[in-house]
Amino acid sequence: MSKRDVVFPPARQELYKRNRYSPAVRANGLLFVSGQVGSREDGSVEPDLEAQVRRAFENLNAILAAAGCSFDDVIDATIFMVDAEENFERVWEIAAPYWGEAPHPSLTGIGVTWLYGYQFEIKVIAKLPEPH
């Protein structure tokens, strides 16, 4: 197996080392981004759901930017929510400015009972820019 082509955002390397995963991996023209939660740079949890959703998208956007992408390049997204039935509409209102205009990426939404102390997580696959 060849070495993984890992993308790191400008901060948070210690968080990824501590938890033993890569923030994103480039492969075959695609960027596979690990699930992003509403964690601060030190890895602590944003206590408020709305702040968590905003922080998760900001963390996601930092990884996308480090790979030369933006949310416009996202082709598939999976979101996980604790208590999705109660929180979905609220989360979707907060996410709307980050989500952008149609056409939107494909989406899978999953309600879960536990997210390591978080209430929201988003993972995506994006198309990498064509080399010039």
Protein backbone atom coordinates (compact mmCIF):
# COMPACT_ATOMS: atom_id res chain seq x y z
CA MET A 1 0.00 0.00 0.00
CA SER A 2 1.27 3.48 -0.83
CA LYS A 3 1.56 6.13 1.85
CA ARG A 4 -1.64 8.10 2.43
CA ASP A 5 -1.69 11.66 1.07
CA VAL A 6 -2.97 13.38 4.23
CA VAL A 7 -4.28 16.94 4.40
CA PHE A 8 -3.89 18.85 7.67
CA PRO A 9 -5.54 22.20 8.41
CA PRO A 10 -3.24 24.95 9.74
CA ALA A 11 -4.03 24.07 13.39
CA ARG A 12 -5.27 21.07 15.36
CA GLN A 13 -2.48 18.59 14.44
CA GLU A 14 -2.14 17.55 18.08
CA LEU A 15 -5.84 16.68 18.23
CA TYR A 16 -5.49 14.35 15.24
CA LYS A 17 -2.30 12.78 16.60
CA ARG A 18 -3.88 12.23 20.01
CA ASN A 19 -6.96 10.54 18.50
CA ARG A 20 -4.97 8.67 15.79
CA TYR A 21 -6.74 9.65 12.60
CA SER A 22 -6.17 11.86 9.58
CA PRO A 23 -8.34 14.92 9.03
CA ALA A 24 -8.55 14.19 5.29
CA VAL A 25 -6.95 11.94 2.69
CA ARG A 26 -6.51 12.66 -1.04
CA ALA A 27 -7.10 9.69 -3.38
CA ASN A 28 -8.01 9.37 -7.06
CA GLY A 29 -8.98 13.03 -7.48
CA LEU A 30 -11.16 13.05 -4.38
CA LEU A 31 -10.78 14.34 -0.85
CA PHE A 32 -12.19 12.13 1.91
CA VAL A 33 -12.72 14.29 5.02
CA SER A 34 -13.09 12.70 8.45
CA GLY A 35 -16.14 13.63 10.48
CA GLN A 36 -15.86 17.16 11.84
CA VAL A 37 -17.46 18.13 15.12
CA GLY A 38 -17.84 21.37 17.04
CA SER A 39 -14.52 21.15 18.81
CA ARG A 40 -12.31 24.08 19.65
CA GLU A 41 -8.64 24.10 18.62
CA ASP A 42 -7.71 22.46 21.93
CA GLY A 43 -10.21 19.66 21.27
CA SER A 44 -12.74 20.75 23.87
CA VAL A 45 -16.47 20.66 23.11
CA GLU A 46 -18.45 23.78 22.27
CA PRO A 47 -21.27 23.45 24.82
CA ASP A 48 -24.09 25.01 22.73
CA LEU A 49 -25.61 23.09 19.77
CA GLU A 50 -25.65 26.16 17.50
CA ALA A 51 -22.00 26.92 18.30
CA GLN A 52 -21.12 23.27 17.68
CA VAL A 53 -22.69 23.30 14.23
CA ARG A 54 -20.93 26.54 13.27
CA ARG A 55 -17.60 25.27 14.61
CA ALA A 56 -18.01 21.93 12.80
CA PHE A 57 -18.48 23.77 9.49
CA GLU A 58 -15.57 26.10 10.24
CA ASN A 59 -13.37 23.07 11.01
CA LEU A 60 -14.57 21.41 7.81
CA ASN A 61 -13.91 24.55 5.75
CA ALA A 62 -10.36 24.79 7.15
CA ILE A 63 -9.61 21.26 5.94
CA LEU A 64 -11.21 21.88 2.56
CA ALA A 65 -9.16 25.09 2.15
CA ALA A 66 -5.94 23.26 3.10
CA ALA A 67 -6.62 20.95 0.14
CA GLY A 68 -7.43 23.83 -2.23
CA CYS A 69 -11.18 23.17 -2.09
CA SER A 70 -14.30 24.87 -0.80
CA PHE A 71 -17.74 23.60 0.16
CA ASP A 72 -18.71 24.11 -3.51
CA ASP A 73 -16.46 21.12 -4.30
CA VAL A 74 -18.31 18.80 -1.89
CA ILE A 75 -20.15 16.06 -3.77
CA ASP A 76 -21.36 13.93 -0.86
CA ALA A 77 -22.06 14.72 2.80
CA THR A 78 -23.07 12.63 5.77
CA ILE A 79 -24.35 14.28 8.92
CA PHE A 80 -24.85 12.69 12.30
CA MET A 81 -27.07 14.23 14.98
CA VAL A 82 -27.92 13.31 18.52
CA ASP A 83 -31.69 13.61 18.96
CA ALA A 84 -32.18 14.29 15.25
CA GLU A 85 -35.97 14.37 15.46
CA GLU A 86 -35.82 17.31 17.86
CA ASN A 87 -32.75 19.09 16.44
CA PHE A 88 -32.85 18.63 12.66
CA GLU A 89 -34.72 21.81 11.70
CA ARG A 90 -32.68 23.92 14.12
CA VAL A 91 -29.40 22.47 12.80
CA TRP A 92 -30.48 22.92 9.19
CA GLU A 93 -31.20 26.63 9.75
CA ILE A 94 -27.71 27.10 11.21
CA ALA A 95 -26.09 25.08 8.40
CA ALA A 96 -27.86 26.93 5.56
CA PRO A 97 -25.26 29.71 5.07
CA TYR A 98 -22.46 27.12 4.97
CA TRP A 99 -24.41 24.80 2.68
CA GLY A 100 -24.68 27.36 -0.10
CA GLU A 101 -26.90 27.48 -3.15
CA ALA A 102 -28.30 24.62 -5.24
CA PRO A 103 -27.29 22.30 -6.68
CA HIS A 104 -26.40 20.78 -3.33
CA PRO A 105 -24.25 17.73 -2.58
CA SER A 106 -25.88 14.38 -1.97
CA LEU A 107 -26.75 13.95 1.71
CA THR A 108 -27.25 11.17 4.20
CA GLY A 109 -28.56 12.19 7.62
CA ILE A 110 -28.24 9.78 10.52
CA GLY A 111 -29.73 10.09 13.99
CA VAL A 112 -27.44 8.68 16.67
CA THR A 113 -27.48 8.36 20.43
CA TRP A 114 -23.84 9.27 21.11
CA LEU A 115 -21.09 11.31 19.41
CA TYR A 116 -18.28 11.37 21.95
CA GLY A 117 -19.89 14.27 23.81
CA TYR A 118 -20.93 16.20 20.69
CA GLN A 119 -24.39 16.70 19.19
CA PHE A 120 -23.47 17.16 15.50
CA GLU A 121 -20.88 15.77 13.09
CA ILE A 122 -20.36 16.18 9.34
CA LYS A 123 -18.12 14.18 7.02
CA VAL A 124 -17.75 14.82 3.30
CA ILE A 125 -16.21 13.73 0.04
CA ALA A 126 -15.05 16.56 -2.23
CA LYS A 127 -13.64 16.73 -5.75
CA LEU A 128 -10.08 18.03 -5.73
CA PRO A 129 -9.19 20.83 -8.14
CA GLU A 130 -7.72 19.77 -11.46
CA PRO A 131 -3.95 20.25 -11.66
CA HIS A 132 -2.95 23.13 -13.92
